[in-house]
């Protein structure tokens, strides 16, 4: 390896050590050494294969991951839960169940009970399938919440219980339901996974 590449590696490792300072202290204490080693080894391998352009490839990966991983690491520090998993599951389930209970209390017809119950079942199933973790949980919850509102609305339209002109409000209801699903999924994830990182990353 020529001297210019060696200098490139030294400067890149030094710059990367500054980037690591963007992470919270506990994260740095746990992972800074392994992150630096991973970065340096990957940098050397890419430079050996592709020359200085290999370093650009590594830096593109680092910078693409930097903002989300730093934000997530700081979210870990803010939302890290000391409680055991069963307690976190119970707390995570509380908000959707309370929302369902409040909605049921103000419902006046059997159809409304059925729609709300279907919505809760679909939402709970979607979250459980993803184990309350990751983007899959978020996507599942949004889709399930939207479907839980859309299916009964379509059924009403097809059976003549909803005037065709009223169907124009259905997209708004579906969008609202999807947003509610997103909110619930974030709430659940905060308690189940704590938005927690426990593995080394490049950035």
N, C-alpha and C. Protein backbone atom coordinates (compact mmCIF):
# COMPACT_ATOMS: atom_id res chain seq x y z
N UNK A 1 0.85 -1.20 0.00
CA UNK A 1 0.00 0.00 0.00
C UNK A 1 0.88 1.25 0.00
N UNK A 2 0.61 2.18 -0.90
CA UNK A 2 1.48 3.36 -1.01
C UNK A 2 1.21 4.36 0.11
N UNK A 3 2.09 5.34 0.22
CA UNK A 3 2.02 6.29 1.33
C UNK A 3 0.76 7.15 1.29
N UNK A 4 0.31 7.50 0.10
CA UNK A 4 -0.88 8.34 0.01
C UNK A 4 -2.11 7.61 0.56
N UNK A 5 -2.21 6.33 0.29
CA UNK A 5 -3.33 5.54 0.83
C UNK A 5 -3.21 5.38 2.34
N UNK A 6 -1.99 5.22 2.82
CA UNK A 6 -1.78 5.12 4.27
C UNK A 6 -2.21 6.41 4.96
N UNK A 7 -1.84 7.56 4.36
CA UNK A 7 -2.28 8.84 4.93
C UNK A 7 -3.80 8.97 4.89
N UNK A 8 -4.39 8.52 3.80
CA UNK A 8 -5.85 8.55 3.66
C UNK A 8 -6.51 7.73 4.76
N UNK A 9 -5.95 6.58 5.06
CA UNK A 9 -6.51 5.73 6.11
C UNK A 9 -6.38 6.41 7.47
N UNK A 10 -5.19 6.96 7.77
CA UNK A 10 -4.99 7.62 9.07
C UNK A 10 -5.94 8.79 9.25
N UNK A 11 -6.06 9.62 8.21
CA UNK A 11 -6.95 10.77 8.31
C UNK A 11 -8.42 10.35 8.42
N UNK A 12 -8.78 9.31 7.70
CA UNK A 12 -10.17 8.83 7.75
C UNK A 12 -10.50 8.27 9.14
N UNK A 13 -9.56 7.52 9.70
CA UNK A 13 -9.78 6.96 11.05
C UNK A 13 -9.87 8.09 12.07
N UNK A 14 -9.03 9.10 11.93
CA UNK A 14 -9.08 10.24 12.85
C UNK A 14 -10.42 10.97 12.72
N UNK A 15 -10.86 11.20 11.49
CA UNK A 15 -12.14 11.88 11.28
C UNK A 15 -13.30 11.04 11.82
N UNK A 16 -13.20 9.73 11.62
CA UNK A 16 -14.26 8.86 12.12
C UNK A 16 -14.32 8.88 13.65
N UNK A 17 -13.16 9.01 14.29
CA UNK A 17 -13.14 9.10 15.76
C UNK A 17 -13.85 10.35 16.25
N UNK A 18 -13.81 11.43 15.45
CA UNK A 18 -14.56 12.63 15.80
C UNK A 18 -16.06 12.40 15.62
N UNK A 19 -16.42 11.70 14.56
CA UNK A 19 -17.84 11.42 14.31
C UNK A 19 -18.44 10.60 15.45
N UNK A 20 -17.67 9.67 15.96
CA UNK A 20 -18.17 8.83 17.05
C UNK A 20 -18.56 9.67 18.27
N UNK A 21 -17.95 10.83 18.41
CA UNK A 21 -18.29 11.71 19.54
C UNK A 21 -19.71 12.25 19.47
N UNK A 22 -20.34 12.12 18.31
CA UNK A 22 -21.73 12.53 18.19
C UNK A 22 -22.67 11.60 18.95
N UNK A 23 -22.22 10.39 19.23
CA UNK A 23 -23.05 9.42 19.95
C UNK A 23 -23.03 9.72 21.45
N UNK A 24 -24.06 9.29 22.18
CA UNK A 24 -24.07 9.52 23.64
C UNK A 24 -22.95 8.75 24.33
N UNK A 25 -22.61 9.20 25.52
CA UNK A 25 -21.42 8.68 26.21
C UNK A 25 -21.49 7.19 26.46
N UNK A 26 -22.63 6.70 26.96
CA UNK A 26 -22.74 5.27 27.26
C UNK A 26 -22.59 4.43 26.00
N UNK A 27 -23.10 4.92 24.90
CA UNK A 27 -22.96 4.20 23.63
C UNK A 27 -21.49 4.17 23.21
N UNK A 28 -20.81 5.32 23.37
CA UNK A 28 -19.38 5.37 23.01
C UNK A 28 -18.57 4.42 23.87
N UNK A 29 -18.86 4.40 25.17
CA UNK A 29 -18.12 3.52 26.07
C UNK A 29 -18.25 2.06 25.65
N UNK A 30 -19.45 1.70 25.19
CA UNK A 30 -19.70 0.31 24.84
C UNK A 30 -19.18 -0.06 23.46
N UNK A 31 -19.26 0.86 22.50
CA UNK A 31 -19.06 0.46 21.11
C UNK A 31 -17.99 1.22 20.34
N UNK A 32 -17.42 2.28 20.90
CA UNK A 32 -16.50 3.09 20.11
C UNK A 32 -15.31 2.29 19.59
N UNK A 33 -14.76 1.43 20.43
CA UNK A 33 -13.59 0.65 20.02
C UNK A 33 -13.91 -0.29 18.87
N UNK A 34 -15.02 -1.03 19.00
CA UNK A 34 -15.38 -1.99 17.94
C UNK A 34 -15.79 -1.25 16.66
N UNK A 35 -16.46 -0.10 16.81
CA UNK A 35 -16.83 0.68 15.63
C UNK A 35 -15.59 1.18 14.89
N UNK A 36 -14.62 1.68 15.62
CA UNK A 36 -13.39 2.17 15.00
C UNK A 36 -12.63 1.04 14.30
N UNK A 37 -12.54 -0.12 14.97
CA UNK A 37 -11.84 -1.26 14.36
C UNK A 37 -12.55 -1.72 13.09
N UNK A 38 -13.90 -1.80 13.17
CA UNK A 38 -14.66 -2.22 11.99
C UNK A 38 -14.46 -1.25 10.84
N UNK A 39 -14.51 0.04 11.15
CA UNK A 39 -14.32 1.06 10.12
C UNK A 39 -12.94 0.95 9.49
N UNK A 40 -11.91 0.84 10.33
CA UNK A 40 -10.54 0.79 9.80
C UNK A 40 -10.32 -0.45 8.94
N UNK A 41 -10.77 -1.62 9.40
CA UNK A 41 -10.58 -2.85 8.63
C UNK A 41 -11.33 -2.78 7.30
N UNK A 42 -12.55 -2.26 7.33
CA UNK A 42 -13.32 -2.14 6.10
C UNK A 42 -12.65 -1.16 5.14
N UNK A 43 -12.13 -0.08 5.69
CA UNK A 43 -11.45 0.93 4.87
C UNK A 43 -10.22 0.33 4.19
N UNK A 44 -9.43 -0.40 4.95
CA UNK A 44 -8.21 -1.02 4.38
C UNK A 44 -8.57 -2.00 3.28
N UNK A 45 -9.59 -2.82 3.55
CA UNK A 45 -9.99 -3.82 2.55
C UNK A 45 -10.47 -3.16 1.26
N UNK A 46 -11.29 -2.11 1.39
CA UNK A 46 -11.82 -1.45 0.20
C UNK A 46 -10.72 -0.72 -0.58
N UNK A 47 -9.78 -0.12 0.14
CA UNK A 47 -8.68 0.59 -0.54
C UNK A 47 -7.78 -0.40 -1.25
N UNK A 48 -7.54 -1.56 -0.64
CA UNK A 48 -6.73 -2.59 -1.30
C UNK A 48 -7.39 -3.07 -2.59
N UNK A 49 -8.71 -3.15 -2.57
CA UNK A 49 -9.43 -3.65 -3.75
C UNK A 49 -9.65 -2.58 -4.81
N UNK A 50 -9.97 -1.36 -4.37
CA UNK A 50 -10.42 -0.33 -5.33
C UNK A 50 -9.61 0.95 -5.29
N UNK A 51 -8.55 0.98 -4.49
CA UNK A 51 -7.77 2.20 -4.39
C UNK A 51 -8.51 3.25 -3.58
N UNK A 52 -8.21 4.52 -3.84
CA UNK A 52 -8.82 5.60 -3.06
C UNK A 52 -10.33 5.67 -3.24
N UNK A 53 -10.85 5.19 -4.37
CA UNK A 53 -12.30 5.18 -4.56
C UNK A 53 -13.00 4.26 -3.58
N UNK A 54 -12.26 3.26 -3.09
CA UNK A 54 -12.83 2.38 -2.06
C UNK A 54 -13.13 3.13 -0.79
N UNK A 55 -12.27 4.12 -0.46
CA UNK A 55 -12.51 4.94 0.73
C UNK A 55 -13.79 5.75 0.56
N UNK A 56 -14.03 6.24 -0.65
CA UNK A 56 -15.26 7.00 -0.90
C UNK A 56 -16.50 6.13 -0.69
N UNK A 57 -16.41 4.87 -1.11
CA UNK A 57 -17.53 3.95 -0.91
C UNK A 57 -17.83 3.78 0.58
N UNK A 58 -16.78 3.62 1.37
CA UNK A 58 -16.96 3.45 2.82
C UNK A 58 -17.57 4.70 3.42
N UNK A 59 -17.06 5.85 3.03
CA UNK A 59 -17.58 7.10 3.59
C UNK A 59 -19.03 7.36 3.18
N UNK A 60 -19.39 6.95 1.97
CA UNK A 60 -20.79 7.10 1.57
C UNK A 60 -21.71 6.28 2.47
N UNK A 61 -21.27 5.07 2.79
CA UNK A 61 -22.06 4.22 3.69
C UNK A 61 -22.17 4.84 5.07
N UNK A 62 -21.05 5.33 5.58
CA UNK A 62 -21.03 5.94 6.91
C UNK A 62 -21.96 7.15 6.98
N UNK A 63 -21.85 8.03 6.01
CA UNK A 63 -22.63 9.26 6.03
C UNK A 63 -24.12 8.99 5.80
N UNK A 64 -24.42 7.97 5.01
CA UNK A 64 -25.82 7.62 4.79
C UNK A 64 -26.48 7.11 6.06
N UNK A 65 -25.70 6.43 6.90
CA UNK A 65 -26.23 5.85 8.13
C UNK A 65 -26.11 6.78 9.33
N UNK A 66 -25.34 7.85 9.18
CA UNK A 66 -24.96 8.66 10.34
C UNK A 66 -26.14 9.26 11.10
N UNK A 67 -26.98 10.02 10.39
CA UNK A 67 -28.06 10.73 11.07
C UNK A 67 -29.04 9.78 11.76
N UNK A 68 -29.57 8.75 11.05
CA UNK A 68 -30.53 7.87 11.74
C UNK A 68 -29.93 7.11 12.92
N UNK A 69 -28.66 6.67 12.79
CA UNK A 69 -28.08 5.90 13.89
C UNK A 69 -27.75 6.78 15.09
N UNK A 70 -27.30 8.01 14.83
CA UNK A 70 -27.03 8.92 15.95
C UNK A 70 -28.32 9.28 16.68
N UNK A 71 -29.36 9.61 15.91
CA UNK A 71 -30.64 9.93 16.53
C UNK A 71 -31.19 8.75 17.31
N UNK A 72 -31.03 7.56 16.76
CA UNK A 72 -31.56 6.38 17.44
C UNK A 72 -30.79 6.10 18.72
N UNK A 73 -29.48 6.31 18.68
CA UNK A 73 -28.66 6.10 19.88
C UNK A 73 -29.05 7.08 20.98
N UNK A 74 -29.31 8.34 20.61
CA UNK A 74 -29.73 9.32 21.61
C UNK A 74 -31.14 9.00 22.12
N UNK A 75 -31.99 8.47 21.24
CA UNK A 75 -33.32 8.04 21.69
C UNK A 75 -33.20 6.91 22.69
N UNK A 76 -32.21 6.04 22.49
CA UNK A 76 -31.95 4.97 23.48
C UNK A 76 -31.72 5.55 24.87
N UNK A 77 -30.87 6.56 24.90
CA UNK A 77 -30.54 7.15 26.19
C UNK A 77 -31.76 7.78 26.84
N UNK A 78 -32.61 8.38 26.02
CA UNK A 78 -33.78 9.07 26.57
C UNK A 78 -34.87 8.11 27.00
N UNK A 79 -35.04 7.01 26.25
CA UNK A 79 -36.20 6.15 26.48
C UNK A 79 -35.85 4.77 27.04
N UNK A 80 -34.59 4.56 27.37
CA UNK A 80 -34.19 3.25 27.89
C UNK A 80 -35.00 2.93 29.15
N UNK A 81 -35.58 1.73 29.15
CA UNK A 81 -36.46 1.36 30.26
C UNK A 81 -35.77 0.38 31.20
N UNK A 82 -35.82 0.63 32.53
CA UNK A 82 -35.24 -0.30 33.48
C UNK A 82 -36.18 -1.44 33.85
N UNK A 83 -37.41 -1.42 33.33
CA UNK A 83 -38.41 -2.39 33.74
C UNK A 83 -38.29 -3.69 32.94
N UNK A 84 -38.65 -4.82 33.53
CA UNK A 84 -38.60 -6.10 32.81
C UNK A 84 -39.60 -6.13 31.67
N UNK A 85 -39.37 -7.07 30.74
CA UNK A 85 -40.18 -7.14 29.53
C UNK A 85 -41.68 -7.29 29.81
N UNK A 86 -42.12 -8.16 30.73
CA UNK A 86 -43.57 -8.27 30.96
C UNK A 86 -44.22 -6.94 31.36
N UNK A 87 -43.52 -6.15 32.15
CA UNK A 87 -44.06 -4.85 32.56
C UNK A 87 -44.14 -3.93 31.36
N UNK A 88 -43.12 -3.94 30.51
CA UNK A 88 -43.12 -3.09 29.33
C UNK A 88 -44.24 -3.49 28.35
N UNK A 89 -44.48 -4.79 28.23
CA UNK A 89 -45.56 -5.27 27.36
C UNK A 89 -46.91 -4.77 27.88
N UNK A 90 -47.10 -4.86 29.21
CA UNK A 90 -48.36 -4.42 29.79
C UNK A 90 -48.58 -2.93 29.58
N UNK A 91 -47.52 -2.14 29.76
CA UNK A 91 -47.64 -0.70 29.56
C UNK A 91 -47.87 -0.38 28.08
N UNK A 92 -47.18 -1.11 27.20
CA UNK A 92 -47.34 -0.88 25.77
C UNK A 92 -48.76 -1.17 25.31
N UNK A 93 -49.38 -2.18 25.93
CA UNK A 93 -50.75 -2.55 25.54
C UNK A 93 -51.79 -1.61 26.12
N UNK A 94 -51.40 -0.85 27.13
CA UNK A 94 -52.39 -0.04 27.85
C UNK A 94 -53.02 1.04 26.98
N UNK A 95 -52.22 1.75 26.20
CA UNK A 95 -52.77 2.87 25.43
C UNK A 95 -53.79 2.43 24.38
N UNK A 96 -53.47 1.43 23.53
CA UNK A 96 -54.50 0.99 22.58
C UNK A 96 -55.76 0.47 23.26
N UNK A 97 -55.60 -0.25 24.36
CA UNK A 97 -56.78 -0.79 25.06
C UNK A 97 -57.60 0.33 25.68
N UNK A 98 -56.93 1.32 26.25
CA UNK A 98 -57.66 2.46 26.82
C UNK A 98 -58.38 3.25 25.72
N UNK A 99 -57.71 3.41 24.58
CA UNK A 99 -58.36 4.11 23.46
C UNK A 99 -59.58 3.34 22.98
N UNK A 100 -59.44 2.02 22.91
CA UNK A 100 -60.57 1.17 22.50
C UNK A 100 -61.71 1.29 23.51
N UNK A 101 -61.38 1.23 24.81
CA UNK A 101 -62.40 1.35 25.85
C UNK A 101 -63.13 2.67 25.80
N UNK A 102 -62.37 3.76 25.58
CA UNK A 102 -63.00 5.08 25.50
C UNK A 102 -63.91 5.18 24.30
N UNK A 103 -63.46 4.62 23.16
CA UNK A 103 -64.29 4.66 21.95
C UNK A 103 -65.56 3.83 22.12
N UNK A 104 -65.43 2.67 22.74
CA UNK A 104 -66.59 1.81 22.98
C UNK A 104 -67.61 2.52 23.87
N UNK A 105 -67.10 3.26 24.84
CA UNK A 105 -67.99 3.94 25.78
C UNK A 105 -68.89 4.95 25.06
N UNK A 106 -68.35 5.57 24.02
CA UNK A 106 -69.13 6.57 23.28
C UNK A 106 -69.85 5.99 22.06
N UNK A 107 -69.70 4.69 21.85
CA UNK A 107 -70.38 4.06 20.73
C UNK A 107 -71.84 3.82 21.09
N UNK A 108 -72.70 3.89 20.07
CA UNK A 108 -74.14 3.76 20.33
C UNK A 108 -74.80 2.63 19.57
N UNK A 109 -74.08 2.02 18.63
CA UNK A 109 -74.68 0.96 17.82
C UNK A 109 -73.79 -0.28 17.82
N UNK A 110 -74.40 -1.41 17.48
CA UNK A 110 -73.64 -2.66 17.38
C UNK A 110 -72.58 -2.57 16.29
N UNK A 111 -72.93 -1.92 15.18
CA UNK A 111 -71.96 -1.78 14.09
C UNK A 111 -70.70 -1.06 14.55
N UNK A 112 -70.88 -0.04 15.36
CA UNK A 112 -69.71 0.68 15.86
C UNK A 112 -68.85 -0.21 16.77
N UNK A 113 -69.50 -1.02 17.60
CA UNK A 113 -68.76 -1.96 18.43
C UNK A 113 -67.95 -2.93 17.56
N UNK A 114 -68.59 -3.42 16.50
CA UNK A 114 -67.92 -4.39 15.63
C UNK A 114 -66.72 -3.76 14.94
N UNK A 115 -66.89 -2.54 14.42
CA UNK A 115 -65.78 -1.86 13.73
C UNK A 115 -64.61 -1.64 14.69
N UNK A 116 -64.89 -1.15 15.87
CA UNK A 116 -63.83 -0.87 16.83
C UNK A 116 -63.13 -2.14 17.29
N UNK A 117 -63.90 -3.20 17.49
CA UNK A 117 -63.32 -4.46 17.91
C UNK A 117 -62.46 -5.06 16.80
N UNK A 118 -62.94 -5.00 15.56
CA UNK A 118 -62.14 -5.46 14.42
C UNK A 118 -60.85 -4.66 14.32
N UNK A 119 -60.96 -3.35 14.50
CA UNK A 119 -59.77 -2.49 14.44
C UNK A 119 -58.75 -2.91 15.49
N UNK A 120 -59.19 -3.13 16.74
CA UNK A 120 -58.27 -3.50 17.80
C UNK A 120 -57.63 -4.86 17.54
N UNK A 121 -58.42 -5.82 17.05
CA UNK A 121 -57.88 -7.16 16.77
C UNK A 121 -56.82 -7.09 15.68
N UNK A 122 -57.11 -6.37 14.60
CA UNK A 122 -56.14 -6.25 13.51
C UNK A 122 -54.88 -5.54 13.96
N UNK A 123 -55.04 -4.47 14.73
CA UNK A 123 -53.88 -3.73 15.22
C UNK A 123 -53.02 -4.60 16.13
N UNK A 124 -53.67 -5.29 17.06
CA UNK A 124 -52.93 -6.16 17.99
C UNK A 124 -52.21 -7.27 17.24
N UNK A 125 -52.90 -7.88 16.26
CA UNK A 125 -52.28 -8.96 15.48
C UNK A 125 -51.06 -8.45 14.71
N UNK A 126 -51.20 -7.28 14.11
CA UNK A 126 -50.09 -6.70 13.33
C UNK A 126 -48.87 -6.45 14.21
N UNK A 127 -49.09 -5.90 15.39
CA UNK A 127 -47.98 -5.61 16.31
C UNK A 127 -47.36 -6.89 16.83
N UNK A 128 -48.19 -7.87 17.16
CA UNK A 128 -47.67 -9.14 17.68
C UNK A 128 -46.86 -9.88 16.62
N UNK A 129 -47.30 -9.83 15.37
CA UNK A 129 -46.55 -10.50 14.30
C UNK A 129 -45.14 -9.92 14.16
N UNK A 130 -45.01 -8.64 14.45
CA UNK A 130 -43.69 -7.99 14.39
C UNK A 130 -43.00 -8.00 15.75
N UNK A 131 -43.66 -8.60 16.75
CA UNK A 131 -43.14 -8.66 18.12
C UNK A 131 -42.87 -7.27 18.69
N UNK A 132 -43.60 -6.29 18.19
CA UNK A 132 -43.47 -4.94 18.71
C UNK A 132 -42.13 -4.29 18.44
N UNK A 133 -41.45 -4.75 17.40
CA UNK A 133 -40.10 -4.26 17.14
C UNK A 133 -39.91 -3.86 15.68
N UNK A 134 -39.07 -2.86 15.47
CA UNK A 134 -38.60 -2.52 14.14
C UNK A 134 -39.64 -1.85 13.26
N UNK A 135 -39.16 -1.54 12.04
CA UNK A 135 -40.03 -0.87 11.08
C UNK A 135 -41.19 -1.75 10.67
N UNK A 136 -41.01 -3.08 10.76
CA UNK A 136 -42.11 -3.97 10.42
C UNK A 136 -43.30 -3.72 11.32
N UNK A 137 -43.04 -3.46 12.58
CA UNK A 137 -44.11 -3.15 13.53
C UNK A 137 -44.84 -1.88 13.09
N UNK A 138 -44.09 -0.86 12.70
CA UNK A 138 -44.69 0.41 12.30
C UNK A 138 -45.55 0.25 11.05
N UNK A 139 -45.00 -0.42 10.05
CA UNK A 139 -45.75 -0.62 8.80
C UNK A 139 -46.98 -1.49 9.05
N UNK A 140 -46.79 -2.58 9.78
CA UNK A 140 -47.92 -3.47 10.08
C UNK A 140 -49.05 -2.73 10.77
N UNK A 141 -48.69 -1.92 11.76
CA UNK A 141 -49.71 -1.22 12.54
C UNK A 141 -50.47 -0.21 11.69
N UNK A 142 -49.75 0.52 10.85
CA UNK A 142 -50.41 1.51 9.98
C UNK A 142 -51.37 0.83 9.01
N UNK A 143 -50.90 -0.25 8.38
CA UNK A 143 -51.74 -0.96 7.41
C UNK A 143 -52.95 -1.60 8.09
N UNK A 144 -52.71 -2.26 9.22
CA UNK A 144 -53.80 -2.94 9.92
C UNK A 144 -54.85 -1.95 10.40
N UNK A 145 -54.39 -0.82 10.92
CA UNK A 145 -55.33 0.20 11.41
C UNK A 145 -56.17 0.74 10.27
N UNK A 146 -55.53 0.98 9.11
CA UNK A 146 -56.27 1.48 7.95
C UNK A 146 -57.27 0.45 7.44
N UNK A 147 -56.84 -0.81 7.36
CA UNK A 147 -57.72 -1.88 6.89
C UNK A 147 -58.90 -2.07 7.84
N UNK A 148 -58.64 -1.92 9.14
CA UNK A 148 -59.69 -2.07 10.13
C UNK A 148 -60.82 -1.07 9.97
N UNK A 149 -60.52 0.07 9.38
CA UNK A 149 -61.56 1.08 9.10
C UNK A 149 -62.12 0.91 7.69
N UNK A 150 -61.24 0.55 6.75
CA UNK A 150 -61.65 0.47 5.35
C UNK A 150 -62.65 -0.66 5.08
N UNK A 151 -62.39 -1.83 5.64
CA UNK A 151 -63.26 -2.99 5.34
C UNK A 151 -64.71 -2.76 5.76
N UNK A 152 -64.97 -2.31 6.99
CA UNK A 152 -66.38 -2.05 7.35
C UNK A 152 -67.02 -0.97 6.49
N UNK A 153 -66.24 0.05 6.11
CA UNK A 153 -66.78 1.12 5.27
C UNK A 153 -67.18 0.57 3.91
N UNK A 154 -66.32 -0.26 3.32
CA UNK A 154 -66.64 -0.87 2.04
C UNK A 154 -67.86 -1.78 2.15
N UNK A 155 -67.93 -2.50 3.24
CA UNK A 155 -69.08 -3.38 3.45
C UNK A 155 -70.38 -2.56 3.51
N UNK A 156 -70.34 -1.42 4.19
CA UNK A 156 -71.53 -0.55 4.27
C UNK A 156 -71.92 -0.02 2.90
N UNK A 157 -70.93 0.34 2.10
CA UNK A 157 -71.22 0.86 0.77
C UNK A 157 -71.86 -0.22 -0.10
N UNK A 158 -71.27 -1.40 -0.11
CA UNK A 158 -71.75 -2.48 -0.97
C UNK A 158 -73.13 -2.99 -0.54
N UNK A 159 -73.43 -2.83 0.74
CA UNK A 159 -74.73 -3.30 1.23
C UNK A 159 -75.77 -2.18 1.31
N UNK A 160 -75.41 -1.01 0.80
CA UNK A 160 -76.36 0.08 0.73
C UNK A 160 -76.59 0.82 2.03
N UNK A 161 -75.78 0.54 3.04
CA UNK A 161 -75.97 1.23 4.33
C UNK A 161 -75.28 2.58 4.36
N UNK A 162 -74.38 2.81 3.42
CA UNK A 162 -73.70 4.11 3.33
C UNK A 162 -73.97 4.68 1.95
N UNK A 163 -74.50 5.90 1.87
CA UNK A 163 -74.72 6.52 0.56
C UNK A 163 -73.42 6.61 -0.22
N UNK A 164 -73.50 6.41 -1.51
CA UNK A 164 -72.30 6.42 -2.35
C UNK A 164 -71.53 7.73 -2.23
N UNK A 165 -72.25 8.85 -2.13
CA UNK A 165 -71.56 10.14 -2.03
C UNK A 165 -70.77 10.27 -0.72
N UNK A 166 -71.21 9.55 0.31
CA UNK A 166 -70.49 9.60 1.59
C UNK A 166 -69.17 8.85 1.52
N UNK A 167 -69.01 8.04 0.49
CA UNK A 167 -67.78 7.26 0.36
C UNK A 167 -66.56 8.17 0.19
N UNK A 168 -66.81 9.43 -0.19
CA UNK A 168 -65.69 10.35 -0.37
C UNK A 168 -64.93 10.61 0.93
N UNK A 169 -65.57 10.42 2.07
CA UNK A 169 -64.88 10.66 3.34
C UNK A 169 -64.05 9.46 3.76
N UNK A 170 -64.26 8.31 3.12
CA UNK A 170 -63.55 7.10 3.53
C UNK A 170 -62.04 7.24 3.42
N UNK A 171 -61.48 7.80 2.32
CA UNK A 171 -60.02 7.98 2.27
C UNK A 171 -59.48 8.79 3.45
N UNK A 172 -60.24 9.80 3.87
CA UNK A 172 -59.80 10.59 5.03
C UNK A 172 -59.81 9.75 6.29
N UNK A 173 -60.83 8.92 6.46
CA UNK A 173 -60.89 8.03 7.62
C UNK A 173 -59.74 7.02 7.61
N UNK A 174 -59.46 6.49 6.43
CA UNK A 174 -58.37 5.52 6.31
C UNK A 174 -57.04 6.17 6.63
N UNK A 175 -56.82 7.39 6.13
CA UNK A 175 -55.57 8.11 6.41
C UNK A 175 -55.44 8.40 7.91
N UNK A 176 -56.55 8.79 8.52
CA UNK A 176 -56.53 9.06 9.97
C UNK A 176 -56.23 7.78 10.74
N UNK A 177 -56.85 6.67 10.31
CA UNK A 177 -56.62 5.40 10.99
C UNK A 177 -55.17 4.95 10.85
N UNK A 178 -54.60 5.13 9.65
CA UNK A 178 -53.20 4.77 9.45
C UNK A 178 -52.28 5.61 10.34
N UNK A 179 -52.60 6.90 10.47
CA UNK A 179 -51.81 7.78 11.34
C UNK A 179 -51.90 7.34 12.79
N UNK A 180 -53.10 6.97 13.22
CA UNK A 180 -53.27 6.46 14.58
C UNK A 180 -52.45 5.19 14.78
N UNK A 181 -52.47 4.31 13.75
CA UNK A 181 -51.65 3.10 13.83
C UNK A 181 -50.18 3.40 13.97
N UNK A 182 -49.70 4.41 13.22
CA UNK A 182 -48.30 4.82 13.32
C UNK A 182 -47.97 5.30 14.73
N UNK A 183 -48.85 6.11 15.28
CA UNK A 183 -48.62 6.65 16.63
C UNK A 183 -48.57 5.53 17.65
N UNK A 184 -49.52 4.60 17.56
CA UNK A 184 -49.53 3.48 18.48
C UNK A 184 -48.27 2.62 18.33
N UNK A 185 -47.82 2.44 17.08
CA UNK A 185 -46.63 1.60 16.87
C UNK A 185 -45.39 2.22 17.50
N UNK A 186 -45.26 3.55 17.37
CA UNK A 186 -44.12 4.23 17.99
C UNK A 186 -44.18 4.08 19.51
N UNK A 187 -45.36 4.25 20.05
CA UNK A 187 -45.56 4.09 21.49
C UNK A 187 -45.17 2.68 21.95
N UNK A 188 -45.66 1.68 21.21
CA UNK A 188 -45.37 0.28 21.56
C UNK A 188 -43.87 0.01 21.46
N UNK A 189 -43.25 0.48 20.38
CA UNK A 189 -41.82 0.23 20.20
C UNK A 189 -40.98 0.89 21.29
N UNK A 190 -41.38 2.06 21.73
CA UNK A 190 -40.63 2.73 22.79
C UNK A 190 -40.59 1.88 24.06
N UNK A 191 -41.69 1.19 24.34
CA UNK A 191 -41.73 0.39 25.56
C UNK A 191 -41.17 -1.02 25.38
N UNK A 192 -41.36 -1.60 24.19
CA UNK A 192 -40.89 -2.97 23.98
C UNK A 192 -39.40 -3.02 23.72
N UNK A 193 -38.94 -2.24 22.75
CA UNK A 193 -37.52 -2.30 22.40
C UNK A 193 -36.74 -1.13 22.96
N UNK A 194 -37.43 -0.11 23.47
CA UNK A 194 -36.73 1.05 23.99
C UNK A 194 -35.98 1.81 22.91
N UNK A 195 -36.29 1.55 21.62
CA UNK A 195 -35.50 2.07 20.51
C UNK A 195 -34.03 1.86 20.85
N UNK A 196 -33.70 0.59 21.11
CA UNK A 196 -32.42 0.24 21.71
C UNK A 196 -31.44 -0.30 20.68
N UNK A 197 -30.21 0.14 20.76
CA UNK A 197 -29.13 -0.42 19.94
C UNK A 197 -28.17 -1.15 20.86
N UNK A 198 -27.91 -2.40 20.54
CA UNK A 198 -26.94 -3.16 21.32
C UNK A 198 -26.00 -3.91 20.39
N UNK A 199 -25.68 -3.31 19.24
CA UNK A 199 -24.76 -3.92 18.31
C UNK A 199 -23.92 -2.82 17.68
N UNK A 200 -22.66 -3.11 17.34
CA UNK A 200 -21.83 -2.09 16.74
C UNK A 200 -22.30 -1.76 15.33
N UNK A 201 -22.17 -0.50 14.95
CA UNK A 201 -22.51 -0.07 13.61
C UNK A 201 -21.36 0.77 13.07
N UNK A 202 -21.35 1.01 11.76
CA UNK A 202 -20.31 1.84 11.19
C UNK A 202 -20.48 3.29 11.62
N UNK A 203 -21.70 3.75 11.65
CA UNK A 203 -21.96 5.11 12.08
C UNK A 203 -23.37 5.20 12.58
